[in-house]
Protein backbone atom coordinates (compact mmCIF):
# COMPACT_ATOMS: atom_id res chain seq x y z
CA MET A 1 -38.79 12.75 -140.43
CA THR A 2 -35.76 14.53 -139.11
CA GLU A 3 -33.80 13.73 -142.26
CA ALA A 4 -36.44 15.36 -144.43
CA TYR A 5 -35.60 18.70 -142.86
CA GLY A 6 -31.89 18.38 -143.23
CA ASP A 7 -29.46 19.79 -140.49
CA LEU A 8 -31.76 21.43 -138.00
CA SER A 9 -28.87 22.11 -135.73
CA ALA A 10 -27.73 24.83 -138.10
CA SER A 11 -28.32 28.51 -137.13
CA GLY A 12 -31.13 30.52 -138.54
CA THR A 13 -29.11 32.23 -141.22
CA ALA A 14 -27.44 28.90 -142.23
CA PHE A 15 -30.71 27.62 -143.66
CA ALA A 16 -30.22 29.78 -146.75
CA HIS A 17 -27.31 27.45 -147.67
CA LEU A 18 -29.72 24.55 -147.48
CA GLY A 19 -31.59 26.08 -150.37
CA LEU A 20 -34.56 27.29 -148.18
CA ARG A 21 -36.07 30.64 -149.07
CA GLN A 22 -36.80 33.23 -146.28
CA VAL A 23 -40.40 34.01 -145.47
CA GLU A 24 -40.98 37.76 -145.11
CA GLU A 25 -43.43 39.91 -143.07
CA ASP A 26 -45.48 40.79 -146.18
CA GLU A 27 -46.00 37.11 -147.07
CA ILE A 28 -47.41 36.38 -143.70
CA ILE A 29 -49.66 39.42 -143.62
CA GLN A 30 -51.10 38.58 -147.00
CA ALA A 31 -51.80 35.01 -145.83
CA ILE A 32 -53.65 36.20 -142.83
CA GLU A 33 -55.75 38.65 -144.83
CA SER A 34 -56.62 36.24 -147.65
CA GLY A 35 -57.21 33.03 -145.57
CA ARG A 36 -54.72 31.18 -147.74
CA VAL A 37 -52.15 28.54 -146.75
CA LEU A 38 -48.68 29.99 -146.45
CA ASN A 39 -46.20 27.92 -148.54
CA SER A 40 -48.88 25.47 -149.54
CA GLY A 41 -47.41 22.07 -150.53
CA GLY A 42 -43.95 23.60 -150.09
CA ASP A 43 -44.57 25.79 -153.24
CA PRO A 44 -44.57 29.61 -152.61
CA ALA A 45 -46.39 30.21 -155.88
CA ALA A 46 -49.26 27.70 -154.96
CA VAL A 47 -52.59 29.37 -154.11
CA GLU A 48 -54.73 27.25 -151.74
CA ASP A 49 -57.51 28.46 -149.45
CA ILE A 50 -57.42 27.03 -145.94
CA PRO A 51 -59.74 24.05 -146.15
CA ALA A 52 -62.99 24.11 -144.16
CA ASP A 53 -62.71 20.44 -143.35
CA GLU A 54 -59.18 20.60 -141.84
CA ASP A 55 -60.15 18.35 -138.93
CA VAL A 56 -60.77 15.43 -141.26
CA THR A 57 -58.37 15.94 -144.17
CA GLY A 58 -55.52 14.04 -142.44
CA ARG A 59 -52.98 16.06 -144.46
CA TYR A 60 -49.99 14.42 -142.67
CA LEU A 61 -51.37 11.23 -141.21
CA ASP A 62 -48.56 9.13 -142.51
CA ILE A 63 -45.44 11.09 -141.99
CA GLU A 64 -43.15 8.06 -141.98
CA ALA A 65 -44.21 6.95 -145.43
CA ASP A 66 -44.50 10.45 -146.91
CA PRO A 67 -42.58 12.99 -144.68
CA PRO A 68 -43.11 16.69 -145.39
CA LEU A 69 -40.04 18.41 -146.89
CA ALA A 70 -39.18 21.89 -145.68
CA THR A 71 -38.93 24.50 -148.57
CA ALA A 72 -38.80 27.71 -146.47
CA VAL A 73 -37.57 29.18 -143.29
CA LEU A 74 -39.17 31.74 -141.03
CA ASP A 75 -37.63 33.64 -138.14
CA GLY A 76 -39.74 33.31 -134.94
CA GLY A 77 -39.19 36.91 -134.14
CA THR A 78 -40.62 37.94 -137.53
CA LEU A 79 -43.68 35.77 -137.01
CA ARG A 80 -44.25 37.17 -133.45
CA LYS A 81 -43.85 40.77 -134.86
CA VAL A 82 -46.58 40.19 -137.36
CA LEU A 83 -48.82 38.50 -134.80
CA LEU A 84 -48.49 41.53 -132.47
CA ARG A 85 -50.22 43.58 -135.08
CA TYR A 86 -53.47 41.67 -134.51
CA ALA A 87 -53.13 41.01 -130.79
CA GLY A 88 -55.33 42.63 -128.02
CA GLN A 89 -55.59 46.43 -128.12
CA SER A 90 -52.94 46.64 -130.87
CA ARG A 91 -55.37 45.06 -133.30
CA GLY A 92 -56.74 48.41 -134.45
CA ASP A 93 -58.23 48.30 -137.89
CA GLU A 94 -56.03 45.43 -139.08
CA LYS A 95 -57.93 43.12 -141.43
CA TYR A 96 -57.76 39.35 -141.24
CA ASP A 97 -59.65 36.34 -142.54
CA PRO A 98 -61.47 34.45 -139.79
CA ARG A 99 -59.77 31.27 -141.02
CA GLY A 100 -56.57 32.66 -139.58
CA LEU A 101 -53.00 31.57 -140.48
CA ARG A 102 -51.77 28.17 -141.70
CA LEU A 103 -48.09 27.54 -142.42
CA GLU A 104 -46.99 24.42 -144.33
CA GLN A 105 -43.44 22.82 -144.61
CA VAL A 106 -41.72 25.81 -142.98
CA VAL A 107 -38.69 25.60 -140.59
CA ILE A 108 -39.27 28.13 -137.75
CA THR A 109 -36.11 29.44 -136.00
CA GLY A 110 -35.29 31.83 -133.19
CA ASP A 111 -37.68 33.06 -130.47
CA MET A 112 -40.98 31.19 -129.93
CA ASN A 113 -42.28 33.16 -126.96
CA TRP A 114 -45.89 33.98 -127.50
CA SER A 115 -46.67 34.81 -123.84
CA TRP A 116 -49.56 37.30 -123.26
CA LEU A 117 -50.51 37.18 -126.99
CA ASP A 118 -54.21 37.66 -127.50
CA LEU A 119 -55.13 36.67 -131.08
CA PRO A 120 -58.51 36.76 -132.71
CA PHE A 121 -57.94 33.98 -135.26
CA PRO A 122 -56.69 30.29 -135.25
CA ILE A 123 -53.11 29.24 -136.13
CA GLY A 124 -52.08 25.97 -137.61
CA PHE A 125 -48.73 24.38 -138.52
CA TRP A 126 -48.67 21.48 -141.05
CA GLY A 127 -45.46 19.61 -141.56
CA CYS A 128 -43.40 22.40 -140.00
CA ALA A 129 -40.24 22.12 -137.97
CA PHE A 130 -39.38 24.20 -134.81
CA HIS A 131 -35.73 24.91 -134.28
CA GLU A 132 -35.93 26.10 -130.57
CA PHE A 133 -36.18 23.88 -127.48
CA PHE A 134 -38.85 25.85 -125.71
CA MET A 135 -42.14 27.13 -126.92
CA ASN A 136 -43.85 29.42 -124.32
CA LEU A 137 -47.54 30.49 -124.51
CA ASP A 138 -48.07 31.69 -120.89
CA HIS A 139 -51.27 33.78 -120.48
CA ALA A 140 -51.91 33.60 -124.18
CA ARG A 141 -55.22 33.41 -125.97
CA VAL A 142 -55.65 31.69 -129.30
CA PRO A 143 -59.00 30.40 -130.57
CA ARG A 144 -57.34 27.28 -132.02
CA LEU A 145 -53.82 26.01 -132.23
CA VAL A 146 -52.93 23.06 -134.40
CA PHE A 147 -49.74 21.11 -135.00
CA ASP A 148 -50.08 18.35 -137.62
CA GLY A 149 -47.06 16.27 -138.66
CA CYS A 150 -44.55 18.66 -137.00
CA LEU A 151 -41.01 18.18 -135.72
CA PHE A 152 -40.05 19.82 -132.45
CA GLY A 153 -36.54 20.61 -131.18
CA PRO A 154 -33.12 20.46 -132.76
CA PRO A 155 -31.28 17.11 -132.82
CA ARG A 156 -28.67 18.37 -130.38
CA TRP A 157 -31.38 18.37 -127.73
CA GLY A 158 -33.38 15.47 -129.07
CA SER A 159 -36.67 16.77 -127.67
CA SER A 160 -38.64 19.99 -127.17
CA ALA A 161 -40.98 21.45 -124.60
CA PHE A 162 -44.35 23.26 -124.94
CA ASN A 163 -45.43 25.23 -121.98
CA ALA A 164 -48.59 27.26 -121.34
CA THR A 165 -49.85 28.56 -118.04
CA GLU A 166 -53.21 30.25 -117.68
CA SER A 167 -53.79 30.32 -121.34
CA LYS A 168 -56.96 29.86 -123.27
CA PHE A 169 -57.62 27.92 -126.50
CA ASP A 170 -61.37 28.24 -127.08
CA SER A 171 -61.77 25.75 -129.86
CA ALA A 172 -58.96 23.29 -129.56
CA ILE A 173 -55.26 22.64 -129.09
CA ARG A 174 -54.03 19.56 -131.00
CA PHE A 175 -50.75 17.65 -131.60
CA LEU A 176 -51.27 15.13 -134.42
CA ASP A 177 -48.49 12.78 -135.55
CA CYS A 178 -45.75 15.02 -134.31
CA GLU A 179 -42.25 14.11 -133.34
CA GLY A 180 -39.68 15.35 -130.74
CA LEU A 181 -42.08 16.75 -128.18
CA SER A 182 -41.14 15.45 -124.83
CA GLN A 183 -42.94 17.82 -122.42
CA LEU A 184 -46.40 19.26 -122.82
CA PHE A 185 -47.42 21.44 -119.87
CA LEU A 186 -50.81 23.01 -119.92
CA LEU A 187 -51.33 24.50 -116.37
CA ASP A 188 -54.60 26.13 -115.33
CA CYS A 189 -55.53 26.55 -118.95
CA GLU A 190 -58.93 26.57 -120.69
CA LEU A 191 -59.10 24.26 -123.52
CA GLY A 192 -62.01 23.81 -125.92
CA THR A 193 -60.96 20.34 -127.12
CA PHE A 194 -57.97 18.29 -126.19
CA GLU A 195 -57.23 15.07 -128.05
CA LEU A 196 -55.32 12.25 -126.31
CA ARG A 197 -53.39 10.27 -128.94
CA ASP A 198 -50.19 8.35 -129.07
CA HIS A 199 -47.43 10.27 -127.43
CA PRO A 200 -46.15 12.82 -130.00
CA GLY A 201 -42.43 12.58 -129.62
CA GLY A 202 -39.35 11.04 -127.97
CA THR A 203 -39.87 7.82 -126.02
CA GLU A 204 -42.85 7.07 -123.78
CA GLU A 205 -40.39 7.23 -120.71
CA LYS A 206 -39.26 10.72 -121.66
CA PHE A 207 -42.57 12.30 -122.48
CA ARG A 208 -44.49 14.11 -119.82
CA LEU A 209 -48.07 15.49 -120.03
CA VAL A 210 -49.27 17.90 -117.32
CA LEU A 211 -52.89 19.19 -117.27
CA THR A 212 -52.91 20.33 -113.76
CA GLY A 213 -55.70 22.70 -112.97
CA SER A 214 -56.95 22.97 -116.56
CA THR A 215 -60.59 23.03 -117.70
CA ILE A 216 -61.35 21.00 -120.84
CA ASN A 217 -64.62 21.36 -122.66
CA GLN A 218 -64.15 18.10 -124.59
CA PHE A 219 -61.59 15.56 -123.78
CA ILE A 220 -61.20 13.05 -126.58
CA VAL A 221 -59.72 9.50 -126.36
CA PHE A 222 -59.31 6.92 -129.18
CA GLY A 223 -60.02 3.28 -128.41
CA ASP A 224 -57.90 2.26 -131.31
CA ASN A 225 -54.77 3.32 -129.35
CA ASP A 226 -53.33 1.05 -126.74
CA PRO A 227 -53.62 2.74 -123.31
CA LYS A 228 -50.10 1.59 -122.43
CA GLU A 229 -48.72 3.37 -125.55
CA THR A 230 -50.79 6.51 -125.24
CA ILE A 231 -48.96 9.57 -123.73
CA PRO A 232 -48.89 8.91 -119.93
CA ALA A 233 -50.72 11.13 -117.53
CA LYS A 234 -48.32 10.37 -114.63
CA ASP A 235 -48.88 12.90 -111.85
CA GLY A 236 -50.15 15.80 -113.97
CA LEU A 237 -54.01 15.73 -113.74
CA ASP A 238 -54.63 17.19 -110.26
CA GLY A 239 -57.42 19.74 -110.28
CA ILE A 240 -58.39 18.93 -113.91
CA ARG A 241 -62.00 19.80 -114.93
CA ILE A 242 -63.68 17.89 -117.88
CA GLN A 243 -67.06 18.97 -119.17
CA ARG A 244 -67.44 16.19 -121.79
CA LEU A 245 -65.48 12.99 -122.38
CA THR A 246 -65.67 11.53 -125.91
CA ALA A 247 -64.34 8.10 -126.47
CA TRP A 248 -64.48 6.46 -129.91
CA GLY A 249 -62.53 4.40 -132.34
CA TRP A 250 -62.28 3.79 -136.13
CA ASP A 251 -63.24 0.16 -135.55
CA GLU A 252 -67.05 -0.05 -135.95
CA ALA A 253 -67.20 -3.18 -133.61
CA LEU A 254 -65.51 -1.13 -130.93
CA ASN A 255 -68.27 1.48 -131.01
CA ARG A 256 -71.23 -0.99 -130.63
CA THR A 257 -70.81 -1.07 -126.81
CA ASP A 258 -69.71 1.37 -124.16
CA ALA A 259 -67.99 -1.08 -121.79
CA TRP A 260 -64.47 -0.62 -123.50
CA LYS A 261 -64.57 3.10 -122.57
CA ALA A 262 -64.35 2.37 -118.83
CA ASN A 263 -61.62 -0.20 -119.30
CA TRP A 264 -59.51 2.00 -121.53
CA ILE A 265 -59.73 5.12 -119.22
CA GLN A 266 -58.96 3.22 -115.94
CA GLU A 267 -56.09 1.31 -117.63
CA TRP A 268 -54.56 4.68 -118.86
CA LEU A 269 -54.99 6.31 -115.53
CA ALA A 270 -53.51 3.38 -113.68
CA GLY A 271 -50.39 3.29 -115.89
CA GLY A 272 -51.30 0.37 -118.21
CA VAL A 273 -52.92 -2.10 -115.83
CA ILE A 274 -56.62 -2.37 -114.94
CA PRO A 275 -56.71 -1.81 -111.15
CA HIS A 276 -57.51 -4.70 -108.77
CA PRO A 277 -57.14 -4.56 -105.00
CA LEU A 278 -55.51 -7.91 -104.78
CA ARG A 279 -52.83 -6.90 -107.31
CA LYS A 280 -50.13 -4.98 -105.59
CA GLN A 281 -48.87 -1.93 -107.38
CA ARG A 282 -45.23 -1.86 -108.16
CA ALA A 283 -43.56 1.12 -106.35
CA ALA A 284 -42.54 2.66 -109.73
CA ARG A 285 -45.98 2.52 -111.22
CA ALA A 286 -47.60 3.74 -107.95
CA ALA A 287 -45.18 6.78 -108.05
CA LEU A 288 -45.96 7.63 -111.52
CA ASN A 289 -49.75 7.40 -111.21
CA PRO A 290 -50.73 8.67 -107.73
CA HIS A 291 -53.95 10.13 -108.99
CA ARG A 292 -56.22 11.35 -106.34
CA ARG A 293 -59.88 10.33 -106.25
CA GLN A 294 -60.82 13.75 -107.70
CA VAL A 295 -59.09 12.85 -110.97
CA TRP A 296 -60.90 9.63 -111.39
CA SER A 297 -64.15 11.17 -110.30
CA GLU A 298 -63.77 13.95 -112.88
CA PHE A 299 -63.60 11.37 -115.77
CA ALA A 300 -66.56 9.54 -114.20
CA ASP A 301 -68.61 12.74 -113.98
CA ALA A 302 -67.78 13.53 -117.53
CA LEU A 303 -69.11 10.08 -118.66
CA ASP A 304 -72.28 10.75 -116.53
CA ARG A 305 -72.86 13.97 -118.49
CA ASP A 306 -72.74 12.00 -121.67
CA TYR A 307 -75.42 9.62 -120.30
CA LEU A 308 -72.92 6.78 -119.93
CA GLU A 309 -73.77 5.69 -116.38
CA GLU A 310 -72.43 2.21 -116.33
CA PRO A 311 -68.96 3.16 -117.55
CA ALA A 312 -68.97 6.04 -115.19
CA MET A 313 -69.76 3.65 -112.26
CA ALA A 314 -66.96 1.44 -113.44
CA ILE A 315 -64.48 4.27 -113.24
CA ARG A 316 -65.51 5.13 -109.66
CA ILE A 317 -65.05 1.51 -108.63
CA ALA A 318 -61.70 1.38 -110.35
CA ALA A 319 -60.59 4.44 -108.46
CA GLU A 320 -61.16 2.61 -105.18
CA ARG A 321 -59.37 -0.48 -106.30
CA HIS A 322 -56.51 1.74 -107.59
CA ARG A 323 -56.15 3.27 -104.11
CA ASP A 324 -56.46 -0.13 -102.39
CA SER A 325 -53.66 -1.65 -104.60
CA SER A 326 -51.05 0.48 -102.88
CA GLN A 327 -51.96 -0.66 -99.40
CA ARG A 328 -50.55 -3.60 -97.37
CA TRP A 329 -51.69 -7.04 -98.34
CA LEU A 330 -53.90 -7.48 -95.20
CA THR A 331 -55.68 -4.19 -95.79
CA ARG A 332 -56.06 -5.01 -99.42
CA ALA A 333 -57.59 -8.39 -98.62
CA VAL A 334 -60.01 -7.08 -95.95
CA ARG A 335 -61.27 -4.26 -98.13
CA TRP A 336 -61.69 -6.58 -101.03
CA LEU A 337 -63.74 -9.05 -99.10
CA THR A 338 -65.78 -6.60 -97.15
CA LEU A 339 -66.29 -3.74 -99.66
CA ASP A 340 -65.44 -4.76 -103.20
CA VAL A 341 -66.87 -8.35 -103.43
CA THR A 342 -69.97 -7.27 -101.55
CA VAL A 343 -71.25 -3.91 -102.49
CA ARG A 344 -68.49 -2.55 -104.74
CA TYR A 345 -67.53 0.17 -102.33
CA PHE A 346 -71.18 1.25 -101.79
CA TYR A 347 -71.61 2.01 -105.34
CA ARG A 348 -73.72 -1.10 -106.02
CA ASN A 349 -75.61 -1.58 -102.75
CA VAL A 350 -78.10 -3.94 -104.30
CA ARG A 351 -75.55 -6.59 -104.64
CA ALA A 352 -75.95 -7.19 -100.82
CA ILE A 353 -79.51 -8.38 -101.50
CA GLY A 354 -78.03 -10.95 -103.98
CA TRP A 355 -75.61 -12.10 -101.30
CA LEU A 356 -78.35 -12.34 -98.80
CA ALA A 357 -80.46 -14.44 -101.24
CA LEU A 358 -77.48 -16.83 -101.69
CA ILE A 359 -77.01 -17.17 -97.96
CA TRP A 360 -80.71 -17.79 -97.45
CA LEU A 361 -80.64 -20.48 -100.15
CA VAL A 362 -77.72 -22.23 -98.45
CA VAL A 363 -79.28 -22.11 -94.99
CA ALA A 364 -82.67 -23.38 -96.39
CA THR A 365 -80.94 -26.21 -98.16
CA LEU A 366 -78.98 -27.23 -95.12
CA ALA A 367 -82.08 -26.95 -92.93
CA TRP A 368 -84.12 -29.17 -95.26
CA CYS A 369 -81.34 -31.75 -95.40
CA ASN A 370 -81.15 -31.87 -91.58
CA ILE A 371 -84.84 -31.36 -90.90
CA GLN A 372 -84.92 -34.37 -88.57
CA ASP A 373 -82.55 -32.55 -86.28
CA LEU A 374 -84.13 -29.13 -86.48
CA TYR A 375 -87.87 -29.65 -86.96
CA ARG A 376 -90.16 -29.84 -83.98
CA ASP A 377 -93.88 -29.87 -83.94
CA GLY A 378 -96.38 -29.46 -81.07
CA THR A 379 -95.86 -33.12 -79.91
CA GLY A 380 -92.07 -32.89 -80.15
CA SER A 381 -91.82 -35.47 -83.02
CA ALA A 382 -89.78 -34.87 -86.11
CA PRO A 383 -89.84 -36.42 -89.61
CA VAL A 384 -87.31 -39.32 -90.30
CA GLY A 385 -85.79 -37.40 -93.26
CA PRO A 386 -86.40 -34.48 -95.78
CA LEU A 387 -88.28 -36.66 -98.23
CA GLU A 388 -90.68 -37.87 -95.56
CA ALA A 389 -91.35 -34.21 -94.58
CA GLY A 390 -92.91 -33.47 -98.02
CA THR A 391 -94.04 -30.06 -99.12
CA ASN A 392 -94.51 -28.91 -95.50
CA GLY A 393 -90.76 -29.66 -94.97
CA VAL A 394 -89.64 -27.59 -97.88
CA LEU A 395 -91.88 -24.62 -96.77
CA TRP A 396 -90.59 -24.95 -93.29
CA ALA A 397 -86.93 -24.88 -94.49
CA ILE A 398 -87.60 -21.74 -96.48
CA ALA A 399 -89.17 -20.02 -93.47
CA TYR A 400 -86.31 -21.17 -91.25
CA GLY A 401 -83.76 -19.68 -93.74
CA LEU A 402 -85.55 -16.35 -93.71
CA ASP A 403 -85.55 -16.32 -89.91
CA ILE A 404 -81.73 -16.92 -89.83
CA VAL A 405 -80.79 -14.54 -92.70
CA ILE A 406 -82.97 -11.37 -92.04
CA SER A 407 -81.84 -10.29 -88.64
CA PRO A 408 -85.03 -8.23 -87.58
CA LEU A 409 -87.39 -10.94 -88.76
CA GLN A 410 -88.80 -13.25 -86.16
CA LEU A 411 -90.96 -16.17 -87.38
CA GLY A 412 -91.36 -18.01 -84.07
CA PHE A 413 -88.56 -20.43 -84.42
CA GLY A 414 -86.75 -19.19 -81.29
CA ALA A 415 -83.38 -20.70 -80.53
CA VAL A 416 -83.76 -23.62 -82.91
CA TRP A 417 -80.14 -24.72 -83.65
CA PRO A 418 -78.81 -28.08 -84.83
CA THR A 419 -77.34 -30.52 -82.31
CA ALA A 420 -74.35 -31.40 -84.47
CA PRO A 421 -71.37 -29.12 -83.58
CA LEU A 422 -70.08 -28.81 -87.02
CA LEU A 423 -73.46 -27.84 -88.41
CA THR A 424 -73.85 -25.40 -85.58
CA VAL A 425 -70.58 -23.60 -86.54
CA VAL A 426 -71.65 -23.46 -90.13
CA PHE A 427 -75.07 -21.95 -89.27
CA ALA A 428 -73.28 -19.43 -87.05
CA VAL A 429 -70.93 -18.41 -89.74
CA LEU A 430 -73.84 -18.02 -92.12
CA LYS A 431 -75.73 -15.99 -89.62
CA LEU A 432 -72.76 -13.61 -89.17
CA LEU A 433 -72.39 -13.18 -92.90
CA ALA A 434 -76.08 -12.45 -93.14
CA ILE A 435 -75.82 -9.80 -90.49
CA ALA A 436 -72.86 -8.21 -92.30
CA MET A 437 -74.64 -8.17 -95.64
CA PHE A 438 -77.74 -6.71 -94.07
CA GLY A 439 -75.62 -4.01 -92.34
CA LEU A 440 -73.84 -3.03 -95.52
CA PHE A 441 -77.21 -2.82 -97.33
CA ILE A 442 -78.61 -0.46 -94.71
CA VAL A 443 -75.49 1.64 -94.54
CA GLY A 444 -75.40 1.96 -98.30
CA ILE A 445 -79.03 2.87 -99.09
CA SER A 446 -79.30 5.14 -95.94
CA GLY A 447 -76.57 7.40 -97.21
CA VAL A 448 -74.27 6.98 -94.22
CA VAL A 449 -71.57 6.54 -96.84
CA GLN A 450 -72.19 9.09 -99.53
CA ARG A 451 -72.00 7.84 -103.06
CA ARG A 452 -73.33 9.09 -106.46
CA ARG A 453 -75.33 5.91 -107.12
CA SER A 454 -76.93 3.22 -104.98
């Protein structure tokens, strides 16, 4: 794509020698007032209205096969001067089309500082190239800002940075199939829609995404993209607020279930690996993805608001596993056995009932197989074996299992324990496990440990 724009390391005035015409103020104003694309298709004489379906047209979806070729150059200072006519209180009686401004196949040189600009219309760049290293939009307000198939930064830098602090993009901010962007900082911003796609520039190691403190009305992820190749979040999500989380893909089979959504999000947040408490995090990955529980909970809450309770629950459980995976091996093993395997960190307390049922079944089976050692009637006699005990022996074993497993329950068995030492040890271990499971269940449902779901 860089080759398509020629030598971007040239100065702004040097572009005239590359055969690129200069875009003037009047042309920008006319485009804003008429709602037409500036330099449509690279042809200054072309007349094209800004399409109403710009979100789905995919104008530059395949920039490798068909890269846009710049045919005009625009000074960033000139663009800013025109935009100031429509900004905030300076707006006056200036007329503009609500579709705003779209520039196509234009090289933009010079200053790209839009800080404190308050614009009433959207702005879009299609197949454009930005000559400067930094783009600053601190405290700016633009209804919609779109970059489709754009190139950021001169080759001498090899990358470019987009910075915005306390800015507001009511509808959306989008970077689709762009190159050269290595830093995207949106701090304490208000974003209508933010689309998380493959990293738009440089290499994955160089790109950094920071959304700290930002509020996003709709956060969009695409299941067709590999979480490991999608722009990494690293440590830039603290304090993020997400109202809605939309996860979808082009593959119809992918959208038939919702389970993949939780897997995709937790793999992306954990740096490319689905968290598991027994899998020790590498120090490098732990340093890059130290997301606090608040970040994971925000994604889970957003799924809840979209009525996706199961994926939301999976995200909350994955958050606990992600935290545990950075602990010492003994801590990881203990928490895995006591909290994860049993009640999923108190998010699925009913699992304790399943474990109690399993222990009860094991105790009842062992009691029935050893009924000649355990059973006593009023005369002190006992059946020769389990088969001789018949139906009464089966019922007795079931009741004996309940007496052992459910701690508060007393069915009159008293201290009936086997005489064989090994079997006594087995029964004691099963009794302790039953007490632990019953305790976890009571703690979970009583709300001693606060969780969103039981």
